[in-house]
C-alpha atoms as a PDB file:
ATOM      1  CA  MET A   1     104.366  94.120 139.079  1.00  0.00           C
ATOM      2  CA  PHE A   2     107.095  93.150 137.498  1.00  0.00           C
ATOM      3  CA  ASN A   3     111.671  92.660 138.946  1.00  0.00           C
ATOM      4  CA  THR A   4     113.791  94.893 136.652  1.00  0.00           C
ATOM      5  CA  GLN A   5     116.466  93.925 138.314  1.00  0.00           C
ATOM      6  CA  LEU A   6     115.070  89.761 137.391  1.00  0.00           C
ATOM      7  CA  ILE A   7     115.124  90.669 134.054  1.00  0.00           C
ATOM      8  CA  GLN A   8     118.135  92.539 133.201  1.00  0.00           C
ATOM      9  CA  GLN A   9     119.940  89.918 135.072  1.00  0.00           C
ATOM     10  CA  ASN A  10     118.281  87.602 133.064  1.00  0.00           C
ATOM     11  CA  SER A  11     118.546  89.688 130.634  1.00  0.00           C
ATOM     12  CA  LEU A  12     122.243  89.725 131.033  1.00  0.00           C
ATOM     13  CA  ARG A  13     121.998  85.523 130.952  1.00  0.00           C
ATOM     14  CA  VAL A  14     120.401  85.089 127.799  1.00  0.00           C
ATOM     15  CA  TYR A  15     123.141  87.657 125.835  1.00  0.00           C
ATOM     16  CA  HIS A  16     126.572  86.394 127.237  1.00  0.00           C
ATOM     17  CA  ARG A  17     124.658  82.758 126.095  1.00  0.00           C
ATOM     18  CA  MET A  18     124.150  83.750 123.197  1.00  0.00           C
ATOM     19  CA  LYS A  19     128.072  83.101 121.576  1.00  0.00           C
ATOM     20  CA  GLU A  20     128.016  79.813 120.468  1.00  0.00           C
ATOM     21  CA  MET A  21     126.305  80.267 117.263  1.00  0.00           C
ATOM     22  CA  TYR A  22     125.003  83.226 115.006  1.00  0.00           C
ATOM     23  CA  ARG A  23     121.624  82.210 115.664  1.00  0.00           C
ATOM     24  CA  TYR A  24     119.678  81.075 117.903  1.00  0.00           C
ATOM     25  CA  THR A  25     114.997  79.995 117.986  1.00  0.00           C
ATOM     26  CA  PHE A  26     112.627  80.220 120.711  1.00  0.00           C
ATOM     27  CA  ASN A  27     113.368  76.920 122.017  1.00  0.00           C
ATOM     28  CA  GLU A  28     117.149  77.146 121.515  1.00  0.00           C
ATOM     29  CA  LEU A  29     117.426  79.558 123.979  1.00  0.00           C
ATOM     30  CA  GLU A  30     115.004  78.208 126.571  1.00  0.00           C
ATOM     31  CA  LYS A  31     117.759  75.153 126.432  1.00  0.00           C
ATOM     32  CA  ILE A  32     120.585  77.512 126.798  1.00  0.00           C
ATOM     33  CA  SER A  33     118.678  79.683 129.883  1.00  0.00           C
ATOM     34  CA  ALA A  34     117.373  77.204 131.714  1.00  0.00           C
ATOM     35  CA  LEU A  35     114.562  80.361 131.786  1.00  0.00           C
ATOM     36  CA  THR A  36     110.994  79.824 131.236  1.00  0.00           C
ATOM     37  CA  SER A  37     109.162  81.544 128.670  1.00  0.00           C
ATOM     38  CA  THR A  38     108.148  84.128 130.150  1.00  0.00           C
ATOM     39  CA  GLU A  39     110.803  84.770 131.869  1.00  0.00           C
ATOM     40  CA  LEU A  40     112.676  85.110 128.553  1.00  0.00           C
ATOM     41  CA  CYS A  41     110.263  86.424 126.543  1.00  0.00           C
ATOM     42  CA  LEU A  42     111.029  89.565 128.980  1.00  0.00           C
ATOM     43  CA  ALA A  43     115.025  89.204 129.051  1.00  0.00           C
ATOM     44  CA  LEU A  44     114.472  89.011 125.244  1.00  0.00           C
ATOM     45  CA  LEU A  45     111.936  92.244 125.244  1.00  0.00           C
ATOM     46  CA  GLU A  46     114.350  94.003 127.719  1.00  0.00           C
ATOM     47  CA  LEU A  47     117.791  92.576 125.731  1.00  0.00           C
ATOM     48  CA  GLN A  48     115.179  94.729 122.087  1.00  0.00           C
ATOM     49  CA  ARG A  49     114.637  97.607 124.421  1.00  0.00           C
ATOM     50  CA  GLN A  50     118.950  98.122 124.346  1.00  0.00           C
ATOM     51  CA  GLY A  51     119.510  97.654 121.543  1.00  0.00           C
ATOM     52  CA  ARG A  52     121.780  94.508 122.034  1.00  0.00           C
ATOM     53  CA  LEU A  53     118.962  92.285 119.786  1.00  0.00           C
ATOM     54  CA  ALA A  54     118.219  91.639 116.359  1.00  0.00           C
ATOM     55  CA  TYR A  55     115.249  88.871 115.740  1.00  0.00           C
ATOM     56  CA  GLY A  56     114.257  87.950 112.111  1.00  0.00           C
ATOM     57  CA  LYS A  57     112.875  85.372 110.267  1.00  0.00           C
ATOM     58  CA  ASP A  58     112.613  82.451 107.307  1.00  0.00           C
ATOM     59  CA  ASP A  59     111.266  79.480 106.772  1.00  0.00           C
ATOM     60  CA  ASN A  60     111.508  77.038 110.261  1.00  0.00           C
ATOM     61  CA  GLY A  61     110.442  80.670 112.821  1.00  0.00           C
ATOM     62  CA  VAL A  62     111.798  83.683 113.905  1.00  0.00           C
ATOM     63  CA  TYR A  63     114.968  83.452 115.229  1.00  0.00           C
ATOM     64  CA  TYR A  64     116.636  85.944 117.510  1.00  0.00           C
ATOM     65  CA  ARG A  65     120.751  86.928 117.204  1.00  0.00           C
ATOM     66  CA  ARG A  66     122.912  89.910 118.928  1.00  0.00           C
ATOM     67  CA  THR A  67     124.007  92.488 117.450  1.00  0.00           C
END
């Protein structure tokens, strides 16, 4: 099963590091958070569930931003 406490900790880690720029790609978030792809996906899902994350798509791909 998933460790929900760890997912919540990782989501806060990502959220707090997302204050430098307006929006981020998945690769940028991987670099600034130092999380694995799976950990980052779960953290992003948690942030979206909490209403703290928005995402969109442009010609360069998918991006994420704080709400």
